[in-house]
Amino acid sequence: MVVQLGGAVVGYRLFTDPPTQPPVHSDAIVVLGGEHDGREAFGIDLARAGFADTVLLSNPYPDDDPTMRAACQSSDRQVRIVCFTPRPSTTTGEALFTREQARAHHWSRVTVVSWRHHLFRAGVIFRQCLGIDVQLVAVPRTYHFSLGAWAFVYAYQFAGTTRAALTGCPPD
C-alpha cells in the first residue's frame, strides 16, 4: 500500500502536474509524435511567436496522414519546418535525429513539445542524447483519464524512464 501511494504521489508530480516553465528562445522546437492534438500547430505557433526559427516535426505516421501532409507541405516564410521519420520510431529515434541536427547547426538549446505526461521521460532521453539545454513544453490541453488509465500512464512512463536511464542514448 505504501509503495502504491508513493508511486501515485511521485507519478502525479512527474506526469500529471510536472513543474512547467514558460517558453524561452531556442534554436529549434521539436514536436514529438503522438496524437494529433494540436501539437503540430502549437509548435509552429511557438516558432512564429519568436521562440525559434526552426521546427522539427516528428512524422511516424502513414504517408497519407492529412495532418502531417498539411504541416509538412506548409510554405511558411517565417519558420523553417523540417519533417522527419524517427528511426527507430520512438522518443529515442526523435532524439537521435535532433542530435544530428543540433550538431550540424551548432544548436545550444531545443524546446521539446509533447504530452504533459510524456515530458519527464522525453527530457531524460533528450538530455542524454543531445548534451545541450533541453526545455520541455506541454501541449496545452486537459486530460480526462480514468483512474485506471492514469495508473497505466504512470506505469508506462515509470518503466520507460527507468529503461532510458539504464540504457542511455545509443552512440553515433
N, C-alpha and C. Protein backbone atom coordinates (compact mmCIF):
# COMPACT_ATOMS: atom_id res chain seq x y z
N MET A 1 0.82 -1.19 0.00
CA MET A 1 0.00 0.00 0.00
C MET A 1 0.86 1.26 0.00
N VAL A 2 1.94 1.23 0.79
CA VAL A 2 2.84 2.38 0.87
C VAL A 2 3.52 2.61 -0.49
N VAL A 3 3.92 1.52 -1.15
CA VAL A 3 4.56 1.63 -2.46
C VAL A 3 3.61 2.24 -3.48
N GLN A 4 2.35 1.77 -3.47
CA GLN A 4 1.37 2.31 -4.42
C GLN A 4 1.09 3.79 -4.16
N LEU A 5 0.97 4.15 -2.90
CA LEU A 5 0.73 5.55 -2.56
C LEU A 5 1.92 6.41 -2.96
N GLY A 6 3.11 5.92 -2.66
CA GLY A 6 4.32 6.66 -3.06
C GLY A 6 4.42 6.80 -4.56
N GLY A 7 4.11 5.72 -5.29
CA GLY A 7 4.12 5.77 -6.75
C GLY A 7 3.10 6.75 -7.29
N ALA A 8 1.94 6.81 -6.64
CA ALA A 8 0.90 7.74 -7.08
C ALA A 8 1.33 9.19 -6.86
N VAL A 9 1.94 9.46 -5.71
CA VAL A 9 2.37 10.83 -5.41
C VAL A 9 3.50 11.26 -6.37
N VAL A 10 4.49 10.40 -6.52
CA VAL A 10 5.60 10.73 -7.43
C VAL A 10 5.10 10.82 -8.87
N GLY A 11 4.25 9.88 -9.27
CA GLY A 11 3.69 9.90 -10.62
C GLY A 11 2.91 11.18 -10.88
N TYR A 12 2.14 11.61 -9.90
CA TYR A 12 1.37 12.85 -10.07
C TYR A 12 2.31 14.02 -10.33
N ARG A 13 3.39 14.13 -9.54
CA ARG A 13 4.33 15.25 -9.70
C ARG A 13 5.10 15.17 -11.02
N LEU A 14 5.44 13.97 -11.46
CA LEU A 14 6.25 13.83 -12.68
C LEU A 14 5.41 13.85 -13.96
N PHE A 15 4.21 13.27 -13.91
CA PHE A 15 3.47 13.04 -15.15
C PHE A 15 2.16 13.80 -15.27
N THR A 16 1.49 14.05 -14.16
CA THR A 16 0.20 14.74 -14.24
C THR A 16 0.36 16.24 -14.06
N ASP A 17 1.21 16.65 -13.13
CA ASP A 17 1.37 18.07 -12.84
C ASP A 17 2.85 18.40 -12.67
N PRO A 18 3.63 18.20 -13.73
CA PRO A 18 5.07 18.46 -13.61
C PRO A 18 5.32 19.97 -13.53
N PRO A 19 6.46 20.35 -12.97
CA PRO A 19 6.81 21.77 -12.98
C PRO A 19 6.87 22.27 -14.42
N THR A 20 6.37 23.44 -14.65
CA THR A 20 6.37 23.98 -16.01
C THR A 20 7.18 25.26 -16.06
N GLN A 21 7.63 25.56 -17.25
CA GLN A 21 8.38 26.78 -17.49
C GLN A 21 7.75 27.48 -18.68
N PRO A 22 7.77 28.79 -18.68
CA PRO A 22 7.31 29.47 -19.89
C PRO A 22 8.32 29.23 -21.01
N PRO A 23 7.86 29.23 -22.25
CA PRO A 23 8.81 29.01 -23.36
C PRO A 23 9.89 30.11 -23.38
N VAL A 24 11.08 29.71 -23.76
CA VAL A 24 12.19 30.65 -23.97
C VAL A 24 12.72 30.42 -25.37
N HIS A 25 13.50 31.36 -25.86
CA HIS A 25 14.04 31.21 -27.22
C HIS A 25 14.98 30.01 -27.28
N SER A 26 14.80 29.21 -28.31
CA SER A 26 15.62 28.04 -28.56
C SER A 26 16.09 28.08 -30.01
N ASP A 27 17.05 27.23 -30.31
CA ASP A 27 17.49 27.10 -31.69
C ASP A 27 16.47 26.37 -32.54
N ALA A 28 15.71 25.47 -31.90
CA ALA A 28 14.67 24.72 -32.62
C ALA A 28 13.61 24.24 -31.64
N ILE A 29 12.43 24.04 -32.17
CA ILE A 29 11.33 23.43 -31.44
C ILE A 29 11.12 22.05 -32.05
N VAL A 30 11.11 21.03 -31.20
CA VAL A 30 10.95 19.65 -31.64
C VAL A 30 9.57 19.17 -31.18
N VAL A 31 8.71 18.87 -32.13
CA VAL A 31 7.36 18.39 -31.81
C VAL A 31 7.38 16.87 -31.95
N LEU A 32 7.18 16.19 -30.82
CA LEU A 32 7.23 14.73 -30.82
C LEU A 32 5.94 14.14 -31.37
N GLY A 33 6.05 12.95 -31.92
CA GLY A 33 4.88 12.26 -32.45
C GLY A 33 3.94 11.86 -31.33
N GLY A 34 2.71 11.62 -31.68
CA GLY A 34 1.69 11.24 -30.72
C GLY A 34 0.34 11.51 -31.33
N GLU A 35 -0.60 11.86 -30.50
CA GLU A 35 -1.91 12.22 -31.02
C GLU A 35 -1.82 13.51 -31.84
N HIS A 36 -2.70 13.62 -32.81
CA HIS A 36 -2.86 14.91 -33.48
C HIS A 36 -3.80 15.73 -32.60
N ASP A 37 -3.23 16.30 -31.57
CA ASP A 37 -3.98 17.02 -30.55
C ASP A 37 -3.70 18.52 -30.60
N GLY A 38 -3.22 18.97 -31.74
CA GLY A 38 -2.87 20.37 -31.88
C GLY A 38 -1.39 20.64 -31.67
N ARG A 39 -0.61 19.60 -31.39
CA ARG A 39 0.81 19.79 -31.09
C ARG A 39 1.59 20.35 -32.27
N GLU A 40 1.24 19.92 -33.48
CA GLU A 40 1.98 20.42 -34.65
C GLU A 40 1.76 21.94 -34.80
N ALA A 41 0.51 22.36 -34.77
CA ALA A 41 0.20 23.79 -34.89
C ALA A 41 0.76 24.57 -33.70
N PHE A 42 0.71 23.99 -32.50
CA PHE A 42 1.24 24.65 -31.31
C PHE A 42 2.74 24.90 -31.45
N GLY A 43 3.48 23.89 -31.91
CA GLY A 43 4.93 24.05 -32.09
C GLY A 43 5.25 25.11 -33.14
N ILE A 44 4.53 25.09 -34.23
CA ILE A 44 4.75 26.08 -35.29
C ILE A 44 4.38 27.47 -34.79
N ASP A 45 3.28 27.58 -34.04
CA ASP A 45 2.88 28.88 -33.49
C ASP A 45 3.92 29.42 -32.51
N LEU A 46 4.54 28.54 -31.71
CA LEU A 46 5.62 28.99 -30.82
C LEU A 46 6.76 29.59 -31.63
N ALA A 47 7.10 28.95 -32.74
CA ALA A 47 8.17 29.47 -33.58
C ALA A 47 7.77 30.82 -34.20
N ARG A 48 6.55 30.89 -34.69
CA ARG A 48 6.08 32.16 -35.26
C ARG A 48 6.07 33.29 -34.23
N ALA A 49 5.89 32.93 -32.96
CA ALA A 49 5.90 33.93 -31.89
C ALA A 49 7.32 34.34 -31.50
N GLY A 50 8.32 33.77 -32.18
CA GLY A 50 9.70 34.19 -31.97
C GLY A 50 10.52 33.30 -31.07
N PHE A 51 10.01 32.12 -30.70
CA PHE A 51 10.75 31.25 -29.80
C PHE A 51 11.76 30.36 -30.51
N ALA A 52 11.73 30.31 -31.83
CA ALA A 52 12.72 29.55 -32.62
C ALA A 52 12.51 29.87 -34.10
N ASP A 53 13.53 29.58 -34.89
CA ASP A 53 13.43 29.76 -36.34
C ASP A 53 13.11 28.45 -37.05
N THR A 54 13.33 27.34 -36.35
CA THR A 54 13.18 26.01 -36.94
C THR A 54 12.25 25.16 -36.10
N VAL A 55 11.39 24.39 -36.77
CA VAL A 55 10.53 23.42 -36.11
C VAL A 55 10.80 22.06 -36.73
N LEU A 56 11.14 21.10 -35.88
CA LEU A 56 11.29 19.72 -36.32
C LEU A 56 10.00 18.99 -35.95
N LEU A 57 9.31 18.47 -36.96
CA LEU A 57 8.06 17.74 -36.74
C LEU A 57 8.31 16.25 -36.94
N SER A 58 8.19 15.49 -35.86
CA SER A 58 8.32 14.04 -35.98
C SER A 58 7.13 13.51 -36.75
N ASN A 59 7.41 12.67 -37.73
CA ASN A 59 6.35 12.15 -38.60
C ASN A 59 6.41 10.63 -38.71
N PRO A 60 5.98 9.93 -37.62
CA PRO A 60 5.96 8.47 -37.68
C PRO A 60 4.65 7.92 -38.25
N TYR A 61 3.88 8.76 -38.87
CA TYR A 61 2.53 8.43 -39.33
C TYR A 61 2.55 7.86 -40.75
N PRO A 62 1.45 7.27 -41.20
CA PRO A 62 1.37 6.80 -42.58
C PRO A 62 1.53 7.97 -43.57
N ASP A 63 1.97 7.64 -44.78
CA ASP A 63 2.22 8.68 -45.80
C ASP A 63 0.99 9.51 -46.12
N ASP A 64 -0.19 8.93 -45.97
CA ASP A 64 -1.42 9.66 -46.33
C ASP A 64 -2.04 10.41 -45.15
N ASP A 65 -1.29 10.60 -44.06
CA ASP A 65 -1.82 11.31 -42.90
C ASP A 65 -2.09 12.77 -43.26
N PRO A 66 -3.34 13.22 -43.22
CA PRO A 66 -3.67 14.58 -43.68
C PRO A 66 -3.08 15.69 -42.81
N THR A 67 -2.99 15.47 -41.50
CA THR A 67 -2.43 16.49 -40.61
C THR A 67 -0.97 16.75 -40.94
N MET A 68 -0.22 15.67 -41.09
CA MET A 68 1.21 15.83 -41.37
C MET A 68 1.46 16.31 -42.79
N ARG A 69 0.63 15.87 -43.71
CA ARG A 69 0.80 16.34 -45.09
C ARG A 69 0.65 17.87 -45.12
N ALA A 70 -0.37 18.39 -44.44
CA ALA A 70 -0.60 19.84 -44.43
C ALA A 70 0.55 20.56 -43.72
N ALA A 71 0.99 20.04 -42.58
CA ALA A 71 2.06 20.69 -41.83
C ALA A 71 3.39 20.63 -42.58
N CYS A 72 3.69 19.49 -43.17
CA CYS A 72 4.98 19.30 -43.83
C CYS A 72 5.07 20.00 -45.18
N GLN A 73 3.95 20.23 -45.81
CA GLN A 73 3.97 20.91 -47.10
C GLN A 73 3.74 22.41 -46.96
N SER A 74 3.66 22.89 -45.73
CA SER A 74 3.45 24.31 -45.49
C SER A 74 4.63 25.11 -46.03
N SER A 75 4.33 26.20 -46.68
CA SER A 75 5.40 27.07 -47.18
C SER A 75 5.43 28.33 -46.31
N ASP A 76 5.89 28.14 -45.11
CA ASP A 76 5.96 29.22 -44.14
C ASP A 76 7.27 29.97 -44.32
N ARG A 77 7.20 31.22 -44.67
CA ARG A 77 8.43 32.02 -44.89
C ARG A 77 9.07 32.44 -43.58
N GLN A 78 8.29 32.42 -42.50
CA GLN A 78 8.77 32.88 -41.22
C GLN A 78 9.51 31.78 -40.45
N VAL A 79 9.14 30.52 -40.71
CA VAL A 79 9.66 29.40 -39.94
C VAL A 79 10.13 28.30 -40.87
N ARG A 80 11.30 27.73 -40.56
CA ARG A 80 11.79 26.57 -41.31
C ARG A 80 11.18 25.33 -40.66
N ILE A 81 10.40 24.57 -41.45
CA ILE A 81 9.76 23.35 -40.94
C ILE A 81 10.45 22.14 -41.56
N VAL A 82 10.92 21.25 -40.69
CA VAL A 82 11.61 20.04 -41.13
C VAL A 82 10.81 18.85 -40.61
N CYS A 83 10.26 18.06 -41.52
CA CYS A 83 9.54 16.84 -41.13
C CYS A 83 10.49 15.66 -41.28
N PHE A 84 10.45 14.75 -40.32
CA PHE A 84 11.36 13.61 -40.35
C PHE A 84 10.66 12.38 -39.80
N THR A 85 11.11 11.23 -40.27
CA THR A 85 10.62 9.96 -39.76
C THR A 85 11.67 9.45 -38.76
N PRO A 86 11.31 9.35 -37.48
CA PRO A 86 12.30 8.91 -36.50
C PRO A 86 12.68 7.45 -36.69
N ARG A 87 13.97 7.16 -36.52
CA ARG A 87 14.49 5.80 -36.62
C ARG A 87 15.31 5.52 -35.39
N PRO A 88 14.88 4.66 -34.48
CA PRO A 88 13.61 3.93 -34.51
C PRO A 88 12.43 4.87 -34.26
N SER A 89 11.24 4.35 -34.44
CA SER A 89 10.03 5.15 -34.31
C SER A 89 9.64 5.27 -32.83
N THR A 90 10.54 5.92 -32.08
CA THR A 90 10.38 6.09 -30.63
C THR A 90 10.88 7.47 -30.26
N THR A 91 10.75 7.80 -28.98
CA THR A 91 11.30 9.06 -28.49
C THR A 91 12.81 9.09 -28.69
N THR A 92 13.46 7.96 -28.52
CA THR A 92 14.91 7.90 -28.75
C THR A 92 15.23 8.20 -30.21
N GLY A 93 14.45 7.68 -31.13
CA GLY A 93 14.66 7.99 -32.55
C GLY A 93 14.50 9.48 -32.82
N GLU A 94 13.54 10.09 -32.16
CA GLU A 94 13.34 11.53 -32.31
C GLU A 94 14.53 12.30 -31.75
N ALA A 95 15.06 11.84 -30.62
CA ALA A 95 16.23 12.48 -30.02
C ALA A 95 17.47 12.30 -30.90
N LEU A 96 17.62 11.13 -31.51
CA LEU A 96 18.78 10.89 -32.37
C LEU A 96 18.77 11.81 -33.59
N PHE A 97 17.60 11.98 -34.21
CA PHE A 97 17.51 12.90 -35.35
C PHE A 97 17.82 14.33 -34.89
N THR A 98 17.28 14.70 -33.75
CA THR A 98 17.53 16.05 -33.23
C THR A 98 19.00 16.25 -32.93
N ARG A 99 19.66 15.21 -32.41
CA ARG A 99 21.10 15.29 -32.14
C ARG A 99 21.88 15.57 -33.42
N GLU A 100 21.52 14.88 -34.50
CA GLU A 100 22.19 15.13 -35.79
C GLU A 100 22.02 16.59 -36.22
N GLN A 101 20.79 17.08 -36.10
CA GLN A 101 20.51 18.46 -36.50
C GLN A 101 21.24 19.46 -35.59
N ALA A 102 21.24 19.18 -34.30
CA ALA A 102 21.90 20.08 -33.34
C ALA A 102 23.40 20.17 -33.63
N ARG A 103 24.01 19.06 -33.94
CA ARG A 103 25.44 19.07 -34.26
C ARG A 103 25.71 19.79 -35.58
N ALA A 104 24.88 19.51 -36.57
CA ALA A 104 25.08 20.12 -37.90
C ALA A 104 24.89 21.63 -37.86
N HIS A 105 23.99 22.10 -37.00
CA HIS A 105 23.67 23.54 -36.97
C HIS A 105 24.22 24.25 -35.73
N HIS A 106 24.98 23.53 -34.90
CA HIS A 106 25.61 24.11 -33.71
C HIS A 106 24.59 24.70 -32.74
N TRP A 107 23.53 23.94 -32.48
CA TRP A 107 22.49 24.40 -31.57
C TRP A 107 22.95 24.23 -30.12
N SER A 108 22.48 25.11 -29.26
CA SER A 108 22.79 25.00 -27.83
C SER A 108 21.54 24.77 -26.98
N ARG A 109 20.34 24.94 -27.58
CA ARG A 109 19.10 24.71 -26.84
C ARG A 109 18.00 24.31 -27.81
N VAL A 110 17.20 23.31 -27.38
CA VAL A 110 15.99 22.95 -28.11
C VAL A 110 14.82 22.93 -27.14
N THR A 111 13.64 23.17 -27.67
CA THR A 111 12.41 23.05 -26.91
C THR A 111 11.67 21.83 -27.43
N VAL A 112 11.31 20.93 -26.53
CA VAL A 112 10.61 19.71 -26.89
C VAL A 112 9.14 19.86 -26.49
N VAL A 113 8.24 19.59 -27.45
CA VAL A 113 6.80 19.69 -27.22
C VAL A 113 6.20 18.28 -27.26
N SER A 114 5.45 17.94 -26.21
CA SER A 114 4.77 16.64 -26.16
C SER A 114 3.64 16.72 -25.15
N TRP A 115 3.02 15.54 -24.89
CA TRP A 115 2.01 15.44 -23.84
C TRP A 115 2.67 15.79 -22.52
N ARG A 116 1.91 16.36 -21.63
CA ARG A 116 2.41 16.69 -20.28
C ARG A 116 2.96 15.43 -19.59
N HIS A 117 2.25 14.31 -19.73
CA HIS A 117 2.67 13.10 -19.02
C HIS A 117 3.88 12.41 -19.68
N HIS A 118 4.31 12.87 -20.81
CA HIS A 118 5.46 12.29 -21.50
C HIS A 118 6.72 13.14 -21.32
N LEU A 119 6.57 14.36 -20.85
CA LEU A 119 7.69 15.30 -20.83
C LEU A 119 8.86 14.86 -19.97
N PHE A 120 8.60 14.29 -18.79
CA PHE A 120 9.71 13.90 -17.93
C PHE A 120 10.60 12.88 -18.62
N ARG A 121 9.97 11.83 -19.16
CA ARG A 121 10.74 10.78 -19.86
C ARG A 121 11.43 11.35 -21.09
N ALA A 122 10.72 12.17 -21.85
CA ALA A 122 11.33 12.79 -23.04
C ALA A 122 12.54 13.62 -22.63
N GLY A 123 12.44 14.33 -21.51
CA GLY A 123 13.56 15.14 -21.04
C GLY A 123 14.78 14.30 -20.71
N VAL A 124 14.55 13.16 -20.05
CA VAL A 124 15.66 12.25 -19.73
C VAL A 124 16.35 11.80 -21.03
N ILE A 125 15.56 11.37 -21.99
CA ILE A 125 16.11 10.86 -23.25
C ILE A 125 16.83 11.95 -24.03
N PHE A 126 16.20 13.09 -24.20
CA PHE A 126 16.80 14.16 -24.98
C PHE A 126 18.06 14.71 -24.32
N ARG A 127 18.06 14.85 -23.02
CA ARG A 127 19.27 15.36 -22.35
C ARG A 127 20.43 14.37 -22.48
N GLN A 128 20.13 13.07 -22.39
CA GLN A 128 21.19 12.07 -22.57
C GLN A 128 21.75 12.12 -23.98
N CYS A 129 20.89 12.24 -24.96
CA CYS A 129 21.32 12.14 -26.35
C CYS A 129 21.94 13.42 -26.88
N LEU A 130 21.46 14.57 -26.44
CA LEU A 130 21.91 15.82 -27.03
C LEU A 130 23.06 16.47 -26.29
N GLY A 131 23.04 16.43 -24.98
CA GLY A 131 24.09 17.08 -24.21
C GLY A 131 24.03 18.60 -24.29
N ILE A 132 22.86 19.14 -24.62
CA ILE A 132 22.66 20.59 -24.65
C ILE A 132 21.43 20.91 -23.80
N ASP A 133 21.13 22.19 -23.67
CA ASP A 133 19.97 22.61 -22.89
C ASP A 133 18.69 22.14 -23.58
N VAL A 134 17.81 21.49 -22.83
CA VAL A 134 16.54 20.99 -23.34
C VAL A 134 15.43 21.60 -22.50
N GLN A 135 14.56 22.34 -23.15
CA GLN A 135 13.38 22.89 -22.48
C GLN A 135 12.19 22.02 -22.84
N LEU A 136 11.29 21.80 -21.89
CA LEU A 136 10.13 20.95 -22.09
C LEU A 136 8.86 21.79 -22.01
N VAL A 137 8.02 21.69 -23.03
CA VAL A 137 6.76 22.45 -23.06
C VAL A 137 5.64 21.48 -23.40
N ALA A 138 4.59 21.51 -22.58
CA ALA A 138 3.45 20.61 -22.77
C ALA A 138 2.47 21.18 -23.79
N VAL A 139 1.90 20.28 -24.58
CA VAL A 139 0.79 20.65 -25.45
C VAL A 139 -0.31 21.19 -24.53
N PRO A 140 -0.85 22.37 -24.82
CA PRO A 140 -1.86 22.94 -23.92
C PRO A 140 -3.21 22.24 -24.08
N ARG A 141 -3.42 21.26 -23.24
CA ARG A 141 -4.69 20.54 -23.25
C ARG A 141 -4.94 19.93 -21.89
N THR A 142 -6.16 19.53 -21.64
CA THR A 142 -6.56 18.90 -20.40
C THR A 142 -6.79 17.42 -20.67
N TYR A 143 -6.42 16.59 -19.71
CA TYR A 143 -6.58 15.16 -19.84
C TYR A 143 -7.68 14.69 -18.89
N HIS A 144 -8.64 13.98 -19.41
CA HIS A 144 -9.74 13.44 -18.60
C HIS A 144 -9.64 11.92 -18.61
N PHE A 145 -8.63 11.40 -17.93
CA PHE A 145 -8.41 9.97 -17.87
C PHE A 145 -9.10 9.39 -16.65
N SER A 146 -9.49 8.14 -16.76
CA SER A 146 -10.00 7.42 -15.59
C SER A 146 -8.82 7.09 -14.68
N LEU A 147 -9.13 6.68 -13.46
CA LEU A 147 -8.07 6.28 -12.52
C LEU A 147 -7.24 5.14 -13.10
N GLY A 148 -7.90 4.19 -13.74
CA GLY A 148 -7.18 3.07 -14.36
C GLY A 148 -6.27 3.53 -15.49
N ALA A 149 -6.76 4.47 -16.29
CA ALA A 149 -5.93 4.99 -17.38
C ALA A 149 -4.71 5.73 -16.84
N TRP A 150 -4.90 6.52 -15.77
CA TRP A 150 -3.75 7.20 -15.16
C TRP A 150 -2.76 6.18 -14.60
N ALA A 151 -3.27 5.12 -13.99
CA ALA A 151 -2.39 4.07 -13.46
C ALA A 151 -1.54 3.48 -14.58
N PHE A 152 -2.16 3.24 -15.74
CA PHE A 152 -1.41 2.73 -16.88
C PHE A 152 -0.36 3.75 -17.35
N VAL A 153 -0.76 5.01 -17.46
CA VAL A 153 0.18 6.07 -17.88
C VAL A 153 1.38 6.12 -16.93
N TYR A 154 1.12 6.10 -15.64
CA TYR A 154 2.21 6.16 -14.67
C TYR A 154 3.13 4.95 -14.83
N ALA A 155 2.57 3.76 -14.91
CA ALA A 155 3.38 2.55 -15.04
C ALA A 155 4.21 2.60 -16.32
N TYR A 156 3.59 3.00 -17.41
CA TYR A 156 4.28 3.07 -18.70
C TYR A 156 5.41 4.09 -18.65
N GLN A 157 5.14 5.26 -18.10
CA GLN A 157 6.16 6.32 -18.05
C GLN A 157 7.28 5.97 -17.06
N PHE A 158 6.93 5.38 -15.90
CA PHE A 158 7.97 4.93 -14.96
C PHE A 158 8.88 3.90 -15.63
N ALA A 159 8.28 2.92 -16.30
CA ALA A 159 9.06 1.87 -16.96
C ALA A 159 9.92 2.45 -18.07
N GLY A 160 9.35 3.31 -18.89
CA GLY A 160 10.10 3.93 -19.97
C GLY A 160 11.23 4.81 -19.49
N THR A 161 10.99 5.55 -18.42
CA THR A 161 12.03 6.41 -17.85
C THR A 161 13.15 5.57 -17.26
N THR A 162 12.80 4.50 -16.56
CA THR A 162 13.80 3.60 -15.98
C THR A 162 14.65 2.98 -17.09
N ARG A 163 14.00 2.51 -18.13
CA ARG A 163 14.72 1.91 -19.26
C ARG A 163 15.67 2.93 -19.88
N ALA A 164 15.18 4.15 -20.10
CA ALA A 164 16.02 5.20 -20.71
C ALA A 164 17.22 5.52 -19.82
N ALA A 165 16.98 5.61 -18.52
CA ALA A 165 18.07 5.94 -17.59
C ALA A 165 19.12 4.83 -17.56
N LEU A 166 18.67 3.58 -17.67
CA LEU A 166 19.61 2.45 -17.62
C LEU A 166 20.36 2.23 -18.92
N THR A 167 19.70 2.46 -20.06
CA THR A 167 20.34 2.16 -21.34
C THR A 167 21.08 3.35 -21.94
N GLY A 168 20.70 4.56 -21.55
CA GLY A 168 21.36 5.73 -22.10
C GLY A 168 21.02 5.92 -23.55
N CYS A 169 21.74 6.78 -24.20
CA CYS A 169 21.50 7.08 -25.62
C CYS A 169 22.46 6.28 -26.48
N PRO A 170 21.97 5.70 -27.57
CA PRO A 170 22.88 4.97 -28.46
C PRO A 170 23.98 5.89 -29.00
N PRO A 171 25.18 5.38 -29.13
CA PRO A 171 26.26 6.21 -29.71
C PRO A 171 26.03 6.43 -31.20
N ASP A 172 26.79 7.35 -31.74
CA ASP A 172 26.70 7.64 -33.18
C ASP A 172 27.01 6.42 -34.01
